[in-house]
Structures are given as C-alpha cells and as structure tokens.
Amino acid sequence: MPREFGRNRRVAQLIKEELAILIQKKFPLRQFGLITLTNVDVSSDLKNSTIYFTSLNQKESNSELTAELNQHAGYFRYEISQLLTSKTVPSLCFKYDNSIERAQRLSSIIESITNKESFHQRIENEKTEKKNS
C-alpha cells in the first residue's frame, strides 16, 4: 500500500475528530439537532476533503443544514489549520449521508418479505395439519 494512503487516513481521522468538537461548539443541539460525522474522504493530494454527516434534526431540512455547514467550512478549515503541521489544509465540503435511511428502508423491505413468507408458511402448516386430522 502506498505511503500516501496512510497519511490520507491520518489526516481524515484528525479532521473528523476535530470537526466533531468544533461542530458541537458552533452548532447548538437545540437548534440543529445531533450532528454525527460518519466519514471523511481526503483526496490523494490532500487539497480537498468531503465530510459525510447525519443529523437527528426535526427543525431544519438536510439541505439547509448542509448549506449551513458549508457556509462555516472556512472557519472550520482555519481552526483545523491551527492543529495540522502540513503546508496545506484540505478544503472542506459537507454532504449529507443518507446511507442510514437507505439501510432502514432495506431492513423494512426485508422484514416485510420475511413476514409474508412466515405467513404463507403458517397457512401451509395449517393445511397439512387439517389433511392429517
């Protein structure tokens, strides 16, 4: 594995840890809900990063929250630059991670299929019991 990928991961992990703290300070829980960073991807040249997040938020839509986070990206980048020892700090781009909603939807589909199969199996069992009686 090339050496740069190890550095990318370390930078991504640092960005994730520090952003979690900064977002907690900058975005009040009551107004914005619970914001969770799910993943950080850093480009191989360390110039760009994409931060994926989820939110348990009832007041603002995901697109509004994404816009709000992207609006504060410069501030976050500056704060992270105070911690990194590299020449450049990746630009930050926030994107809402909808994988949790997709996983929940898939789980409910699988559960409904399983329930239908068990229902049909019970009917078949009842039919065989009646034939045997």
N, C-alpha and C. Protein backbone atom coordinates (compact mmCIF):
# COMPACT_ATOMS: atom_id res chain seq x y z
N MET A 1 0.85 -1.18 0.00
CA MET A 1 0.00 0.00 0.00
C MET A 1 0.90 1.24 0.00
N PRO A 2 0.64 2.18 -0.90
CA PRO A 2 1.47 3.38 -0.95
C PRO A 2 1.40 4.16 0.36
N ARG A 3 2.47 4.84 0.65
CA ARG A 3 2.59 5.59 1.88
C ARG A 3 1.56 6.71 2.00
N GLU A 4 1.19 7.34 0.89
CA GLU A 4 0.27 8.47 0.93
C GLU A 4 -1.11 8.09 1.47
N PHE A 5 -1.52 6.84 1.27
CA PHE A 5 -2.84 6.45 1.76
C PHE A 5 -2.87 6.43 3.28
N GLY A 6 -1.76 6.06 3.89
CA GLY A 6 -1.70 6.10 5.34
C GLY A 6 -1.82 7.53 5.85
N ARG A 7 -1.19 8.44 5.15
CA ARG A 7 -1.27 9.85 5.55
C ARG A 7 -2.68 10.38 5.33
N ASN A 8 -3.30 10.01 4.21
CA ASN A 8 -4.67 10.44 3.95
C ASN A 8 -5.60 10.01 5.07
N ARG A 9 -5.43 8.77 5.48
CA ARG A 9 -6.29 8.27 6.57
C ARG A 9 -6.05 9.01 7.87
N ARG A 10 -4.79 9.28 8.17
CA ARG A 10 -4.47 10.01 9.40
C ARG A 10 -5.05 11.42 9.36
N VAL A 11 -4.91 12.10 8.22
CA VAL A 11 -5.46 13.45 8.08
C VAL A 11 -6.99 13.40 8.18
N ALA A 12 -7.60 12.42 7.51
CA ALA A 12 -9.06 12.29 7.57
C ALA A 12 -9.53 12.06 8.99
N GLN A 13 -8.84 11.21 9.73
CA GLN A 13 -9.22 10.92 11.12
C GLN A 13 -9.07 12.17 11.99
N LEU A 14 -8.00 12.92 11.80
CA LEU A 14 -7.80 14.15 12.55
C LEU A 14 -8.90 15.16 12.25
N ILE A 15 -9.22 15.31 10.97
CA ILE A 15 -10.28 16.24 10.57
C ILE A 15 -11.60 15.82 11.21
N LYS A 16 -11.90 14.54 11.18
CA LYS A 16 -13.15 14.03 11.74
C LYS A 16 -13.23 14.32 13.25
N GLU A 17 -12.16 14.04 13.96
CA GLU A 17 -12.15 14.25 15.40
C GLU A 17 -12.29 15.73 15.75
N GLU A 18 -11.55 16.57 15.07
CA GLU A 18 -11.58 18.00 15.39
C GLU A 18 -12.89 18.65 14.96
N LEU A 19 -13.40 18.24 13.79
CA LEU A 19 -14.68 18.79 13.35
C LEU A 19 -15.81 18.41 14.30
N ALA A 20 -15.76 17.21 14.84
CA ALA A 20 -16.80 16.79 15.78
C ALA A 20 -16.85 17.75 16.97
N ILE A 21 -15.69 18.15 17.45
CA ILE A 21 -15.63 19.08 18.58
C ILE A 21 -16.08 20.47 18.15
N LEU A 22 -15.59 20.94 17.00
CA LEU A 22 -15.94 22.28 16.53
C LEU A 22 -17.43 22.41 16.22
N ILE A 23 -18.00 21.38 15.61
CA ILE A 23 -19.43 21.43 15.28
C ILE A 23 -20.26 21.44 16.55
N GLN A 24 -19.84 20.69 17.55
CA GLN A 24 -20.54 20.70 18.83
C GLN A 24 -20.57 22.10 19.43
N LYS A 25 -19.45 22.82 19.32
CA LYS A 25 -19.36 24.17 19.88
C LYS A 25 -20.15 25.18 19.06
N LYS A 26 -20.07 25.05 17.73
CA LYS A 26 -20.63 26.07 16.83
C LYS A 26 -22.13 25.89 16.56
N PHE A 27 -22.60 24.65 16.61
CA PHE A 27 -23.99 24.36 16.27
C PHE A 27 -24.73 23.84 17.50
N PRO A 28 -25.55 24.68 18.13
CA PRO A 28 -26.26 24.25 19.33
C PRO A 28 -27.19 23.07 19.07
N LEU A 29 -27.23 22.16 20.03
CA LEU A 29 -28.04 20.95 19.90
C LEU A 29 -29.52 21.27 19.72
N ARG A 30 -30.02 22.25 20.45
CA ARG A 30 -31.45 22.60 20.37
C ARG A 30 -31.85 23.10 18.99
N GLN A 31 -30.99 23.87 18.37
CA GLN A 31 -31.32 24.45 17.08
C GLN A 31 -31.07 23.50 15.91
N PHE A 32 -29.96 22.77 15.96
CA PHE A 32 -29.55 21.97 14.81
C PHE A 32 -29.69 20.46 15.02
N GLY A 33 -30.00 20.03 16.21
CA GLY A 33 -30.10 18.61 16.48
C GLY A 33 -28.73 17.97 16.62
N LEU A 34 -28.72 16.68 16.73
CA LEU A 34 -27.48 15.94 16.90
C LEU A 34 -26.85 15.70 15.53
N ILE A 35 -25.67 16.25 15.32
CA ILE A 35 -24.95 16.09 14.06
C ILE A 35 -23.83 15.07 14.28
N THR A 36 -23.82 14.03 13.47
CA THR A 36 -22.82 12.98 13.58
C THR A 36 -22.02 12.90 12.29
N LEU A 37 -20.71 12.92 12.41
CA LEU A 37 -19.85 12.76 11.24
C LEU A 37 -19.66 11.27 11.00
N THR A 38 -20.03 10.81 9.81
CA THR A 38 -19.95 9.38 9.51
C THR A 38 -18.67 9.00 8.79
N ASN A 39 -18.15 9.91 7.96
CA ASN A 39 -16.94 9.58 7.20
C ASN A 39 -16.29 10.85 6.69
N VAL A 40 -14.98 10.79 6.50
CA VAL A 40 -14.24 11.89 5.89
C VAL A 40 -13.36 11.29 4.81
N ASP A 41 -13.52 11.77 3.59
CA ASP A 41 -12.67 11.35 2.47
C ASP A 41 -11.74 12.50 2.13
N VAL A 42 -10.45 12.21 2.04
CA VAL A 42 -9.45 13.21 1.69
C VAL A 42 -8.82 12.80 0.38
N SER A 43 -8.69 13.75 -0.54
CA SER A 43 -8.09 13.44 -1.84
C SER A 43 -6.62 13.08 -1.67
N SER A 44 -6.06 12.42 -2.67
CA SER A 44 -4.68 11.94 -2.58
C SER A 44 -3.68 13.09 -2.49
N ASP A 45 -4.02 14.26 -3.04
CA ASP A 45 -3.11 15.41 -2.95
C ASP A 45 -3.35 16.26 -1.70
N LEU A 46 -4.28 15.81 -0.84
CA LEU A 46 -4.60 16.48 0.43
C LEU A 46 -5.13 17.90 0.25
N LYS A 47 -5.72 18.18 -0.89
CA LYS A 47 -6.25 19.53 -1.13
C LYS A 47 -7.75 19.62 -0.92
N ASN A 48 -8.45 18.50 -1.04
CA ASN A 48 -9.91 18.51 -0.90
C ASN A 48 -10.34 17.40 0.05
N SER A 49 -11.41 17.68 0.75
CA SER A 49 -11.99 16.64 1.60
C SER A 49 -13.51 16.75 1.55
N THR A 50 -14.15 15.61 1.66
CA THR A 50 -15.60 15.53 1.73
C THR A 50 -15.96 14.94 3.07
N ILE A 51 -16.80 15.66 3.79
CA ILE A 51 -17.22 15.23 5.11
C ILE A 51 -18.67 14.80 5.02
N TYR A 52 -18.94 13.54 5.34
CA TYR A 52 -20.29 12.99 5.32
C TYR A 52 -20.84 13.03 6.74
N PHE A 53 -22.09 13.47 6.87
CA PHE A 53 -22.69 13.59 8.19
C PHE A 53 -24.15 13.15 8.15
N THR A 54 -24.66 12.83 9.32
CA THR A 54 -26.09 12.58 9.50
C THR A 54 -26.57 13.49 10.61
N SER A 55 -27.87 13.64 10.70
CA SER A 55 -28.42 14.52 11.72
C SER A 55 -29.77 14.01 12.20
N LEU A 56 -29.95 14.05 13.49
CA LEU A 56 -31.26 13.81 14.08
C LEU A 56 -31.84 15.19 14.33
N ASN A 57 -32.47 15.71 13.30
CA ASN A 57 -32.90 17.10 13.33
C ASN A 57 -34.33 17.19 12.83
N GLN A 58 -35.18 17.81 13.61
CA GLN A 58 -36.57 17.95 13.21
C GLN A 58 -36.87 19.35 12.68
N LYS A 59 -36.02 20.32 12.99
CA LYS A 59 -36.33 21.71 12.67
C LYS A 59 -35.87 22.14 11.28
N GLU A 60 -34.72 21.68 10.85
CA GLU A 60 -34.16 22.09 9.57
C GLU A 60 -34.06 20.91 8.62
N SER A 61 -34.23 21.17 7.33
CA SER A 61 -34.07 20.10 6.36
C SER A 61 -32.58 19.79 6.21
N ASN A 62 -32.31 18.65 5.65
CA ASN A 62 -30.91 18.23 5.46
C ASN A 62 -30.17 19.17 4.51
N SER A 63 -30.87 19.67 3.51
CA SER A 63 -30.21 20.58 2.56
C SER A 63 -29.87 21.91 3.24
N GLU A 64 -30.75 22.38 4.13
CA GLU A 64 -30.46 23.62 4.85
C GLU A 64 -29.27 23.44 5.79
N LEU A 65 -29.23 22.30 6.46
CA LEU A 65 -28.12 22.02 7.37
C LEU A 65 -26.81 21.87 6.59
N THR A 66 -26.87 21.22 5.43
CA THR A 66 -25.68 21.09 4.58
C THR A 66 -25.18 22.46 4.16
N ALA A 67 -26.09 23.33 3.75
CA ALA A 67 -25.71 24.68 3.35
C ALA A 67 -25.10 25.44 4.52
N GLU A 68 -25.68 25.28 5.69
CA GLU A 68 -25.16 25.96 6.89
C GLU A 68 -23.74 25.47 7.22
N LEU A 69 -23.53 24.16 7.16
CA LEU A 69 -22.19 23.62 7.44
C LEU A 69 -21.18 24.09 6.39
N ASN A 70 -21.57 24.07 5.13
CA ASN A 70 -20.67 24.52 4.06
C ASN A 70 -20.36 26.02 4.19
N GLN A 71 -21.32 26.78 4.73
CA GLN A 71 -21.10 28.20 4.95
C GLN A 71 -20.00 28.43 6.00
N HIS A 72 -19.92 27.54 6.98
CA HIS A 72 -18.93 27.64 8.05
C HIS A 72 -17.64 26.87 7.72
N ALA A 73 -17.52 26.33 6.53
CA ALA A 73 -16.37 25.50 6.16
C ALA A 73 -15.06 26.27 6.28
N GLY A 74 -15.06 27.54 5.92
CA GLY A 74 -13.84 28.35 6.03
C GLY A 74 -13.37 28.48 7.47
N TYR A 75 -14.32 28.71 8.37
CA TYR A 75 -13.98 28.80 9.79
C TYR A 75 -13.42 27.47 10.29
N PHE A 76 -14.09 26.38 9.93
CA PHE A 76 -13.62 25.06 10.35
C PHE A 76 -12.22 24.78 9.80
N ARG A 77 -12.00 25.15 8.54
CA ARG A 77 -10.70 24.92 7.91
C ARG A 77 -9.60 25.70 8.63
N TYR A 78 -9.91 26.95 8.99
CA TYR A 78 -8.94 27.75 9.72
C TYR A 78 -8.60 27.10 11.07
N GLU A 79 -9.61 26.68 11.80
CA GLU A 79 -9.38 26.06 13.11
C GLU A 79 -8.55 24.78 12.98
N ILE A 80 -8.83 24.00 11.95
CA ILE A 80 -8.07 22.77 11.73
C ILE A 80 -6.63 23.10 11.32
N SER A 81 -6.45 24.19 10.58
CA SER A 81 -5.10 24.57 10.16
C SER A 81 -4.20 24.89 11.36
N GLN A 82 -4.80 25.28 12.46
CA GLN A 82 -4.03 25.56 13.67
C GLN A 82 -3.49 24.28 14.29
N LEU A 83 -4.08 23.15 13.93
CA LEU A 83 -3.69 21.87 14.51
C LEU A 83 -2.80 21.04 13.60
N LEU A 84 -2.97 21.17 12.29
CA LEU A 84 -2.18 20.39 11.34
C LEU A 84 -0.80 20.99 11.16
N THR A 85 0.16 20.13 10.95
CA THR A 85 1.53 20.60 10.73
C THR A 85 1.90 20.62 9.25
N SER A 86 0.98 20.27 8.39
CA SER A 86 1.29 20.24 6.95
C SER A 86 1.14 21.65 6.35
N LYS A 87 1.69 21.82 5.13
CA LYS A 87 1.63 23.12 4.46
C LYS A 87 0.20 23.52 4.13
N THR A 88 -0.55 22.55 3.63
CA THR A 88 -1.92 22.86 3.20
C THR A 88 -2.93 22.11 4.05
N VAL A 89 -4.09 22.70 4.13
CA VAL A 89 -5.22 22.07 4.82
C VAL A 89 -6.28 21.83 3.76
N PRO A 90 -6.83 20.64 3.72
CA PRO A 90 -7.83 20.36 2.68
C PRO A 90 -9.04 21.29 2.79
N SER A 91 -9.58 21.67 1.63
CA SER A 91 -10.84 22.40 1.65
C SER A 91 -11.91 21.42 2.11
N LEU A 92 -12.94 21.94 2.77
CA LEU A 92 -13.97 21.09 3.37
C LEU A 92 -15.27 21.24 2.59
N CYS A 93 -15.85 20.12 2.25
CA CYS A 93 -17.15 20.09 1.58
C CYS A 93 -18.04 19.11 2.34
N PHE A 94 -19.15 19.60 2.87
CA PHE A 94 -20.05 18.76 3.65
C PHE A 94 -21.14 18.19 2.76
N LYS A 95 -21.43 16.90 2.97
CA LYS A 95 -22.51 16.23 2.25
C LYS A 95 -23.30 15.37 3.23
N TYR A 96 -24.62 15.41 3.07
CA TYR A 96 -25.47 14.61 3.94
C TYR A 96 -25.35 13.14 3.55
N ASP A 97 -25.17 12.29 4.53
CA ASP A 97 -25.03 10.85 4.32
C ASP A 97 -26.38 10.18 4.53
N ASN A 98 -27.02 9.78 3.45
CA ASN A 98 -28.34 9.17 3.58
C ASN A 98 -28.29 7.65 3.62
N SER A 99 -27.13 7.09 3.90
CA SER A 99 -26.99 5.63 3.94
C SER A 99 -27.80 5.02 5.09
N ILE A 100 -27.98 5.75 6.17
CA ILE A 100 -28.75 5.22 7.29
C ILE A 100 -30.22 5.06 6.89
N GLU A 101 -30.76 6.06 6.20
CA GLU A 101 -32.15 5.96 5.74
C GLU A 101 -32.31 4.82 4.74
N ARG A 102 -31.33 4.67 3.85
CA ARG A 102 -31.39 3.57 2.89
C ARG A 102 -31.34 2.23 3.60
N ALA A 103 -30.50 2.11 4.60
CA ALA A 103 -30.38 0.85 5.35
C ALA A 103 -31.68 0.54 6.09
N GLN A 104 -32.30 1.56 6.67
CA GLN A 104 -33.57 1.34 7.36
C GLN A 104 -34.66 0.91 6.38
N ARG A 105 -34.67 1.53 5.20
CA ARG A 105 -35.66 1.17 4.18
C ARG A 105 -35.46 -0.27 3.72
N LEU A 106 -34.20 -0.66 3.49
CA LEU A 106 -33.92 -2.03 3.09
C LEU A 106 -34.29 -3.02 4.19
N SER A 107 -34.02 -2.68 5.43
CA SER A 107 -34.37 -3.55 6.55
C SER A 107 -35.87 -3.76 6.63
N SER A 108 -36.64 -2.68 6.43
CA SER A 108 -38.09 -2.82 6.48
C SER A 108 -38.61 -3.66 5.32
N ILE A 109 -37.99 -3.54 4.13
CA ILE A 109 -38.39 -4.36 2.99
C ILE A 109 -38.10 -5.83 3.28
N ILE A 110 -36.91 -6.11 3.80
CA ILE A 110 -36.55 -7.50 4.13
C ILE A 110 -37.47 -8.05 5.20
N GLU A 111 -37.78 -7.23 6.20
CA GLU A 111 -38.68 -7.67 7.26
C GLU A 111 -40.08 -7.97 6.72
N SER A 112 -40.58 -7.13 5.81
CA SER A 112 -41.92 -7.38 5.26
C SER A 112 -41.93 -8.66 4.43
N ILE A 113 -40.84 -8.92 3.70
CA ILE A 113 -40.75 -10.15 2.92
C ILE A 113 -40.71 -11.36 3.84
N THR A 114 -39.94 -11.25 4.90
CA THR A 114 -39.84 -12.34 5.88
C THR A 114 -41.19 -12.60 6.53
N ASN A 115 -41.90 -11.53 6.86
CA ASN A 115 -43.23 -11.69 7.47
C ASN A 115 -44.20 -12.36 6.51
N LYS A 116 -44.15 -12.02 5.23
CA LYS A 116 -45.02 -12.64 4.24
C LYS A 116 -44.70 -14.12 4.10
N GLU A 117 -43.40 -14.43 4.06
CA GLU A 117 -43.00 -15.83 3.94
C GLU A 117 -43.45 -16.64 5.14
N SER A 118 -43.29 -16.09 6.34
CA SER A 118 -43.71 -16.83 7.54
C SER A 118 -45.24 -16.97 7.57
N PHE A 119 -45.97 -15.97 7.06
CA PHE A 119 -47.42 -16.06 6.98
C PHE A 119 -47.84 -17.19 6.04
N HIS A 120 -47.22 -17.25 4.87
CA HIS A 120 -47.53 -18.31 3.91
C HIS A 120 -47.14 -19.69 4.46
N GLN A 121 -46.05 -19.74 5.19
CA GLN A 121 -45.61 -20.99 5.78
C GLN A 121 -46.62 -21.47 6.84
N ARG A 122 -47.16 -20.54 7.64
CA ARG A 122 -48.17 -20.91 8.64
C ARG A 122 -49.44 -21.44 7.98
N ILE A 123 -49.82 -20.82 6.87
CA ILE A 123 -51.01 -21.28 6.15
C ILE A 123 -50.79 -22.70 5.63
N GLU A 124 -49.61 -22.95 5.06
CA GLU A 124 -49.28 -24.29 4.57
C GLU A 124 -49.27 -25.30 5.70
N ASN A 125 -48.73 -24.92 6.84
CA ASN A 125 -48.71 -25.82 8.00
C ASN A 125 -50.12 -26.15 8.47
N GLU A 126 -51.00 -25.17 8.47
CA GLU A 126 -52.40 -25.39 8.88
C GLU A 126 -53.09 -26.33 7.90
N LYS A 127 -52.81 -26.15 6.61
CA LYS A 127 -53.41 -27.03 5.60
C LYS A 127 -52.97 -28.47 5.79
N THR A 128 -51.68 -28.67 6.05
CA THR A 128 -51.19 -30.04 6.24
C THR A 128 -51.73 -30.65 7.54
N GLU A 129 -51.91 -29.83 8.56
CA GLU A 129 -52.50 -30.33 9.82
C GLU A 129 -53.94 -30.77 9.60
N LYS A 130 -54.69 -30.01 8.82
CA LYS A 130 -56.09 -30.37 8.55
C LYS A 130 -56.17 -31.65 7.73
N LYS A 131 -55.26 -31.84 6.78
CA LYS A 131 -55.25 -33.06 5.97
C LYS A 131 -54.91 -34.26 6.83
N ASN A 132 -54.00 -34.09 7.78
CA ASN A 132 -53.59 -35.18 8.63
C ASN A 132 -54.64 -35.54 9.68
N SER A 133 -55.55 -34.63 9.99
CA SER A 133 -56.55 -34.89 11.02
C SER A 133 -57.68 -35.74 10.53
